[in-house]
Amino acid sequence: MPVNSTAAAYLQCMATNLADRVTTYSATMLSIFRIVIGLLLVCHGTSKLFGWPGGPSVEVLSWPYWWAGLIELVVGVLVTIGLFTREAAFIGSGHMAVAYFWQHFPDDFWPINNGGEPAVLFCFALLLLVFTGPGSLAVSRR
């Protein structure tokens, strides 16, 4: 047997074993992903509403920032605990799309230039949760 075919067979076997091992943890890792995204969104909301963990808080009921903070806080809590994950993620994804196009896009097309990278990343991370669901560690698994 030539060396190349032996090496190819070995790599194929390794890839199959790795895929099998990783697949067994995918539901748990999806939950960890969801929890991290949710906690980061909570931080964005509390920063706007209360000035914690950083930044100044905005005036109560001011449009659109206070309302954006409220949406981020509520969606973040729901996504973190895994309750109504798909619905909350759908609302949060739309919220982040609106945030990008209202606040960042007018400055420049590219997110790297207009400071809109977090909004785009949140938008697509939350959109992913709409389609995948909450994972195995959630209050509600639907």
Protein backbone atom coordinates (compact mmCIF):
# COMPACT_ATOMS: atom_id res chain seq x y z
CA MET A 1 0.00 0.00 0.00
CA PRO A 2 1.54 3.36 -0.96
CA VAL A 3 2.34 5.82 1.82
CA ASN A 4 -0.06 8.44 0.47
CA SER A 5 -3.10 6.16 0.63
CA THR A 6 -2.15 5.06 4.16
CA ALA A 7 -1.86 8.66 5.29
CA ALA A 8 -5.16 9.52 3.61
CA ALA A 9 -6.89 6.58 5.31
CA TYR A 10 -5.46 7.64 8.68
CA LEU A 11 -6.62 11.25 8.21
CA GLN A 12 -10.07 10.04 7.17
CA CYS A 13 -10.30 7.90 10.29
CA MET A 14 -9.18 10.82 12.51
CA ALA A 15 -11.70 13.17 10.92
CA THR A 16 -14.51 10.66 11.40
CA ASN A 17 -13.58 10.05 15.04
CA LEU A 18 -13.31 13.79 15.73
CA ALA A 19 -16.65 14.49 14.08
CA ASP A 20 -18.29 11.72 16.12
CA ARG A 21 -16.80 12.99 19.39
CA VAL A 22 -17.66 16.64 18.74
CA THR A 23 -21.20 15.83 17.62
CA THR A 24 -22.03 14.33 21.01
CA TYR A 25 -21.46 17.75 22.63
CA SER A 26 -23.18 19.94 20.04
CA ALA A 27 -26.41 20.46 22.04
CA THR A 28 -24.44 21.44 25.15
CA MET A 29 -22.17 23.79 23.20
CA LEU A 30 -25.21 25.38 21.58
CA SER A 31 -26.53 26.08 25.09
CA ILE A 32 -23.23 27.63 26.14
CA PHE A 33 -23.24 29.77 22.98
CA ARG A 34 -26.82 30.87 23.76
CA ILE A 35 -25.96 31.73 27.37
CA VAL A 36 -22.92 33.80 26.39
CA ILE A 37 -24.87 35.71 23.73
CA GLY A 38 -27.70 36.30 26.20
CA LEU A 39 -25.38 37.57 28.94
CA LEU A 40 -23.60 39.91 26.54
CA LEU A 41 -26.97 41.27 25.42
CA VAL A 42 -27.99 41.78 29.08
CA CYS A 43 -24.78 43.80 29.57
CA HIS A 44 -25.70 46.02 26.61
CA GLY A 45 -29.18 46.57 28.03
CA THR A 46 -28.06 47.30 31.60
CA SER A 47 -25.38 49.65 30.30
CA LYS A 48 -28.03 51.75 28.57
CA LEU A 49 -30.61 51.55 31.36
CA PHE A 50 -28.45 51.73 34.48
CA GLY A 51 -24.94 52.69 33.35
CA TRP A 52 -23.70 49.30 34.53
CA PRO A 53 -21.26 47.64 33.88
CA GLY A 54 -19.98 50.66 31.99
CA GLY A 55 -21.00 53.79 30.22
CA PRO A 56 -23.54 56.42 31.12
CA SER A 57 -27.19 55.49 31.40
CA VAL A 58 -29.65 57.16 29.08
CA GLU A 59 -32.62 59.26 30.13
CA VAL A 60 -35.67 57.19 31.09
CA LEU A 61 -38.12 56.72 28.18
CA SER A 62 -35.81 58.50 25.72
CA TRP A 63 -36.29 57.37 22.14
CA PRO A 64 -34.74 55.12 20.87
CA TYR A 65 -31.92 54.40 23.33
CA TRP A 66 -33.89 53.65 26.51
CA TRP A 67 -36.30 51.42 24.61
CA ALA A 68 -33.37 49.68 22.90
CA GLY A 69 -31.87 49.01 26.33
CA LEU A 70 -35.16 47.58 27.56
CA ILE A 71 -35.43 45.27 24.55
CA GLU A 72 -31.82 44.16 24.99
CA LEU A 73 -32.34 43.46 28.69
CA VAL A 74 -35.55 41.46 28.26
CA VAL A 75 -34.36 39.54 25.20
CA GLY A 76 -31.00 38.91 26.88
CA VAL A 77 -32.61 37.46 30.01
CA LEU A 78 -34.97 35.24 28.00
CA VAL A 79 -32.18 34.00 25.74
CA THR A 80 -29.84 33.40 28.70
CA ILE A 81 -32.30 31.21 30.61
CA GLY A 82 -33.64 29.57 27.46
CA LEU A 83 -37.26 30.63 27.80
CA PHE A 84 -39.09 31.51 24.57
CA THR A 85 -35.65 31.41 22.97
CA ARG A 86 -36.75 31.37 19.34
CA GLU A 87 -39.27 34.17 19.78
CA ALA A 88 -36.93 36.33 21.86
CA ALA A 89 -34.05 35.73 19.45
CA PHE A 90 -36.26 36.69 16.50
CA ILE A 91 -37.17 39.99 18.17
CA GLY A 92 -33.57 40.59 19.21
CA SER A 93 -32.23 39.85 15.75
CA GLY A 94 -34.63 42.33 14.20
CA HIS A 95 -33.76 44.87 16.88
CA MET A 96 -30.06 44.55 16.06
CA ALA A 97 -30.74 44.88 12.33
CA VAL A 98 -32.68 48.09 12.97
CA ALA A 99 -29.90 49.33 15.27
CA TYR A 100 -27.33 48.73 12.55
CA PHE A 101 -29.27 50.45 9.78
CA TRP A 102 -30.41 53.40 11.93
CA GLN A 103 -27.23 54.09 13.89
CA HIS A 104 -24.26 52.68 11.97
CA PHE A 105 -25.06 52.31 8.28
CA PRO A 106 -25.56 56.06 7.64
CA ASP A 107 -21.90 56.65 8.60
CA ASP A 108 -20.37 54.05 6.28
CA PHE A 109 -21.33 50.86 4.45
CA TRP A 110 -18.74 48.62 6.17
CA PRO A 111 -19.31 47.54 9.79
CA ILE A 112 -15.57 47.71 10.48
CA ASN A 113 -15.61 51.42 9.61
CA ASN A 114 -18.91 52.46 11.19
CA GLY A 115 -18.67 50.71 14.57
CA GLY A 116 -21.54 48.38 13.74
CA GLU A 117 -19.75 45.06 14.14
CA PRO A 118 -21.42 44.19 17.48
CA ALA A 119 -24.87 44.89 16.04
CA VAL A 120 -24.18 42.67 13.00
CA LEU A 121 -22.72 39.88 15.12
CA PHE A 122 -25.64 39.98 17.57
CA CYS A 123 -28.10 40.06 14.66
CA PHE A 124 -26.74 36.90 13.08
CA ALA A 125 -26.00 35.08 16.35
CA LEU A 126 -29.59 35.63 17.43
CA LEU A 127 -30.86 34.66 13.98
CA LEU A 128 -28.95 31.39 14.33
CA LEU A 129 -30.77 30.72 17.62
CA VAL A 130 -34.11 31.28 15.87
CA PHE A 131 -33.34 28.29 13.65
CA THR A 132 -31.42 26.05 16.06
CA GLY A 133 -33.39 26.55 19.25
CA PRO A 134 -31.94 26.81 22.75
CA GLY A 135 -29.88 23.62 23.01
CA SER A 136 -30.04 21.06 25.82
CA LEU A 137 -29.59 23.33 28.86
CA ALA A 138 -32.67 25.54 28.82
CA VAL A 139 -35.85 26.22 30.76
CA SER A 140 -37.81 25.35 27.62
CA ARG A 141 -36.21 23.17 24.92
CA ARG A 142 -38.55 24.07 22.07
